[in-house]
Amino acid sequence: MNTKKKVYAFYITIIVLSVLAMMVFDLNLMAKSILCLIVFFCLLVMRSIRNAYQLPDDIDPDTMQPVGSLLKTEKEDIHAQTDHGSNVDLYLRLLIEADEKLSKDPEIDQMSPSYNIQLNRYIAARLESLESASK
């Protein structure tokens, strides 16, 4: 029995047990509504399984990468981790620098909504100064 049939059997069992519990036991309205919601969600999950994207056998479902190119992706990950000249690293460095500078100023409230605006203005000014210095 493949995985899809096992999942269908599991959800059908839940639906049957829920309907049986509603018919056999004298439940109040809240319990019946909860069981109806369970049945509804089971039907939605079963429908989404039917429409799910079928992956080929050579694709790992956890990483969504081809199975044969595992060594290649590890090398790319190592290279990406050692690349410190990216824009994200620059932005994070400027953000930390701006936060440290603005946190030293006693007039600035770090909890106010304008604090983010001040951080962004400081970062923009630093980026402009870095661009003008590089030209």
C-alpha atoms as a PDB file:
ATOM      1  CA  MET A   1       0.000   0.000   0.000  1.00  0.00           C
ATOM      2  CA  ASN A   2       1.578   3.282  -1.045  1.00  0.00           C
ATOM      3  CA  THR A   3       1.723   6.365   1.132  1.00  0.00           C
ATOM      4  CA  LYS A   4      -1.156   8.142  -0.583  1.00  0.00           C
ATOM      5  CA  LYS A   5      -3.529   5.242   0.066  1.00  0.00           C
ATOM      6  CA  LYS A   6      -2.391   5.040   3.686  1.00  0.00           C
ATOM      7  CA  VAL A   7      -3.126   8.722   4.183  1.00  0.00           C
ATOM      8  CA  TYR A   8      -6.541   8.346   2.552  1.00  0.00           C
ATOM      9  CA  ALA A   9      -7.312   5.362   4.791  1.00  0.00           C
ATOM     10  CA  PHE A  10      -6.292   7.359   7.865  1.00  0.00           C
ATOM     11  CA  TYR A  11      -8.534  10.320   7.025  1.00  0.00           C
ATOM     12  CA  ILE A  12     -11.454   8.111   5.988  1.00  0.00           C
ATOM     13  CA  THR A  13     -11.158   6.333   9.337  1.00  0.00           C
ATOM     14  CA  ILE A  14     -11.288   9.671  11.153  1.00  0.00           C
ATOM     15  CA  ILE A  15     -14.342  10.728   9.141  1.00  0.00           C
ATOM     16  CA  VAL A  16     -16.154   7.448   9.789  1.00  0.00           C
ATOM     17  CA  LEU A  17     -15.399   7.569  13.513  1.00  0.00           C
ATOM     18  CA  SER A  18     -16.562  11.177  13.738  1.00  0.00           C
ATOM     19  CA  VAL A  19     -19.833  10.477  11.952  1.00  0.00           C
ATOM     20  CA  LEU A  20     -20.355   7.354  14.038  1.00  0.00           C
ATOM     21  CA  ALA A  21     -19.746   9.314  17.251  1.00  0.00           C
ATOM     22  CA  MET A  22     -22.302  11.925  16.183  1.00  0.00           C
ATOM     23  CA  MET A  23     -24.901   9.254  15.500  1.00  0.00           C
ATOM     24  CA  VAL A  24     -24.310   6.942  18.460  1.00  0.00           C
ATOM     25  CA  PHE A  25     -23.602   9.313  21.332  1.00  0.00           C
ATOM     26  CA  ASP A  26     -25.903  11.996  22.658  1.00  0.00           C
ATOM     27  CA  LEU A  27     -23.546  14.943  22.150  1.00  0.00           C
ATOM     28  CA  ASN A  28     -24.271  18.580  22.714  1.00  0.00           C
ATOM     29  CA  LEU A  29     -24.182  21.113  19.912  1.00  0.00           C
ATOM     30  CA  MET A  30     -20.584  22.186  20.574  1.00  0.00           C
ATOM     31  CA  ALA A  31     -19.233  18.637  20.376  1.00  0.00           C
ATOM     32  CA  LYS A  32     -21.161  17.951  17.176  1.00  0.00           C
ATOM     33  CA  SER A  33     -19.865  21.148  15.605  1.00  0.00           C
ATOM     34  CA  ILE A  34     -16.292  20.205  16.517  1.00  0.00           C
ATOM     35  CA  LEU A  35     -16.751  16.786  14.946  1.00  0.00           C
ATOM     36  CA  CYS A  36     -18.224  18.393  11.831  1.00  0.00           C
ATOM     37  CA  LEU A  37     -15.193  20.672  11.613  1.00  0.00           C
ATOM     38  CA  ILE A  38     -12.910  17.659  11.909  1.00  0.00           C
ATOM     39  CA  VAL A  39     -14.770  15.962   9.059  1.00  0.00           C
ATOM     40  CA  PHE A  40     -14.608  19.135   6.971  1.00  0.00           C
ATOM     41  CA  PHE A  41     -10.865  19.571   7.519  1.00  0.00           C
ATOM     42  CA  CYS A  42     -10.248  15.912   6.728  1.00  0.00           C
ATOM     43  CA  LEU A  43     -12.091  16.350   3.446  1.00  0.00           C
ATOM     44  CA  LEU A  44     -10.035  19.446   2.656  1.00  0.00           C
ATOM     45  CA  VAL A  45      -6.788  17.616   3.363  1.00  0.00           C
ATOM     46  CA  MET A  46      -7.859  14.667   1.251  1.00  0.00           C
ATOM     47  CA  ARG A  47      -8.757  17.011  -1.601  1.00  0.00           C
ATOM     48  CA  SER A  48      -5.414  18.792  -1.370  1.00  0.00           C
ATOM     49  CA  ILE A  49      -3.605  15.450  -1.417  1.00  0.00           C
ATOM     50  CA  ARG A  50      -5.424  14.573  -4.611  1.00  0.00           C
ATOM     51  CA  ASN A  51      -4.324  17.857  -6.197  1.00  0.00           C
ATOM     52  CA  ALA A  52      -0.804  17.758  -4.753  1.00  0.00           C
ATOM     53  CA  TYR A  53       2.185  18.178  -7.006  1.00  0.00           C
ATOM     54  CA  GLN A  54       3.707  14.827  -7.869  1.00  0.00           C
ATOM     55  CA  LEU A  55       7.490  14.855  -7.535  1.00  0.00           C
ATOM     56  CA  PRO A  56       9.671  12.685  -9.753  1.00  0.00           C
ATOM     57  CA  ASP A  57      11.623   9.892  -8.095  1.00  0.00           C
ATOM     58  CA  ASP A  58      14.979  11.654  -8.473  1.00  0.00           C
ATOM     59  CA  ILE A  59      13.863  14.700  -6.402  1.00  0.00           C
ATOM     60  CA  ASP A  60      14.345  14.674  -2.642  1.00  0.00           C
ATOM     61  CA  PRO A  61      11.042  15.935  -1.128  1.00  0.00           C
ATOM     62  CA  ASP A  62      12.785  17.426   1.909  1.00  0.00           C
ATOM     63  CA  THR A  63      15.265  19.616   0.044  1.00  0.00           C
ATOM     64  CA  MET A  64      13.522  19.794  -3.372  1.00  0.00           C
ATOM     65  CA  GLN A  65      16.937  19.171  -4.944  1.00  0.00           C
ATOM     66  CA  PRO A  66      17.921  16.411  -7.343  1.00  0.00           C
ATOM     67  CA  VAL A  67      19.302  13.416  -5.484  1.00  0.00           C
ATOM     68  CA  GLY A  68      22.498  13.217  -7.551  1.00  0.00           C
ATOM     69  CA  SER A  69      23.569  16.827  -7.043  1.00  0.00           C
ATOM     70  CA  LEU A  70      23.993  16.676  -3.272  1.00  0.00           C
ATOM     71  CA  LEU A  71      27.731  17.341  -3.392  1.00  0.00           C
ATOM     72  CA  LYS A  72      27.252  20.279  -5.725  1.00  0.00           C
ATOM     73  CA  THR A  73      24.725  21.968  -3.417  1.00  0.00           C
ATOM     74  CA  GLU A  74      26.986  21.467  -0.390  1.00  0.00           C
ATOM     75  CA  LYS A  75      29.834  23.194  -2.224  1.00  0.00           C
ATOM     76  CA  GLU A  76      27.517  26.059  -3.188  1.00  0.00           C
ATOM     77  CA  ASP A  77      26.357  26.404   0.430  1.00  0.00           C
ATOM     78  CA  ILE A  78      29.932  26.572   1.691  1.00  0.00           C
ATOM     79  CA  HIS A  79      30.770  29.198  -0.927  1.00  0.00           C
ATOM     80  CA  ALA A  80      27.670  31.221  -0.032  1.00  0.00           C
ATOM     81  CA  GLN A  81      28.589  31.149   3.649  1.00  0.00           C
ATOM     82  CA  THR A  82      32.107  32.449   3.005  1.00  0.00           C
ATOM     83  CA  ASP A  83      30.955  35.294   0.740  1.00  0.00           C
ATOM     84  CA  HIS A  84      31.049  38.236   3.144  1.00  0.00           C
ATOM     85  CA  GLY A  85      30.806  40.969   0.539  1.00  0.00           C
ATOM     86  CA  SER A  86      27.088  40.607  -0.029  1.00  0.00           C
ATOM     87  CA  ASN A  87      24.527  43.363   0.345  1.00  0.00           C
ATOM     88  CA  VAL A  88      22.830  41.599   3.238  1.00  0.00           C
ATOM     89  CA  ASP A  89      26.031  41.576   5.255  1.00  0.00           C
ATOM     90  CA  LEU A  90      26.566  45.258   4.502  1.00  0.00           C
ATOM     91  CA  TYR A  91      23.014  46.102   5.527  1.00  0.00           C
ATOM     92  CA  LEU A  92      23.274  44.125   8.762  1.00  0.00           C
ATOM     93  CA  ARG A  93      26.596  45.745   9.604  1.00  0.00           C
ATOM     94  CA  LEU A  94      25.123  49.202   8.973  1.00  0.00           C
ATOM     95  CA  LEU A  95      22.016  48.324  10.974  1.00  0.00           C
ATOM     96  CA  ILE A  96      24.086  47.279  13.975  1.00  0.00           C
ATOM     97  CA  GLU A  97      26.214  50.397  13.647  1.00  0.00           C
ATOM     98  CA  ALA A  98      23.132  52.627  13.439  1.00  0.00           C
ATOM     99  CA  ASP A  99      21.486  50.920  16.391  1.00  0.00           C
ATOM    100  CA  GLU A 100      24.595  51.324  18.519  1.00  0.00           C
ATOM    101  CA  LYS A 101      24.901  54.997  17.605  1.00  0.00           C
ATOM    102  CA  LEU A 102      21.233  55.799  18.175  1.00  0.00           C
ATOM    103  CA  SER A 103      21.050  53.829  21.419  1.00  0.00           C
ATOM    104  CA  LYS A 104      23.749  56.080  22.906  1.00  0.00           C
ATOM    105  CA  ASP A 105      21.589  59.165  22.313  1.00  0.00           C
ATOM    106  CA  PRO A 106      19.393  59.704  25.418  1.00  0.00           C
ATOM    107  CA  GLU A 107      16.869  61.840  23.502  1.00  0.00           C
ATOM    108  CA  ILE A 108      15.854  58.977  21.191  1.00  0.00           C
ATOM    109  CA  ASP A 109      13.208  56.568  22.417  1.00  0.00           C
ATOM    110  CA  GLN A 110      13.941  53.106  21.052  1.00  0.00           C
ATOM    111  CA  MET A 111      10.367  51.972  21.644  1.00  0.00           C
ATOM    112  CA  SER A 112       8.794  54.672  19.480  1.00  0.00           C
ATOM    113  CA  PRO A 113       7.676  53.914  15.926  1.00  0.00           C
ATOM    114  CA  SER A 114       9.906  56.685  14.621  1.00  0.00           C
ATOM    115  CA  TYR A 115      12.987  54.763  15.782  1.00  0.00           C
ATOM    116  CA  ASN A 116      12.835  52.523  12.696  1.00  0.00           C
ATOM    117  CA  ILE A 117      12.569  55.582  10.488  1.00  0.00           C
ATOM    118  CA  GLN A 118      15.624  57.088  12.149  1.00  0.00           C
ATOM    119  CA  LEU A 119      17.520  53.818  11.703  1.00  0.00           C
ATOM    120  CA  ASN A 120      16.641  53.716   8.014  1.00  0.00           C
ATOM    121  CA  ARG A 121      17.647  57.347   7.511  1.00  0.00           C
ATOM    122  CA  TYR A 122      20.996  56.726   9.177  1.00  0.00           C
ATOM    123  CA  ILE A 123      21.584  53.632   7.035  1.00  0.00           C
ATOM    124  CA  ALA A 124      20.616  55.548   3.882  1.00  0.00           C
ATOM    125  CA  ALA A 125      23.038  58.338   4.761  1.00  0.00           C
ATOM    126  CA  ARG A 126      25.827  55.821   5.391  1.00  0.00           C
ATOM    127  CA  LEU A 127      25.109  54.045   2.092  1.00  0.00           C
ATOM    128  CA  GLU A 128      25.235  57.346   0.224  1.00  0.00           C
ATOM    129  CA  SER A 129      28.528  58.228   1.879  1.00  0.00           C
ATOM    130  CA  LEU A 130      29.936  54.800   0.989  1.00  0.00           C
ATOM    131  CA  GLU A 131      28.808  55.191  -2.632  1.00  0.00           C
ATOM    132  CA  SER A 132      30.294  58.666  -2.930  1.00  0.00           C
ATOM    133  CA  ALA A 133      33.549  57.469  -1.354  1.00  0.00           C
ATOM    134  CA  SER A 134      33.813  54.563  -3.797  1.00  0.00           C
ATOM    135  CA  LYS A 135      33.401  56.857  -6.849  1.00  0.00           C
END
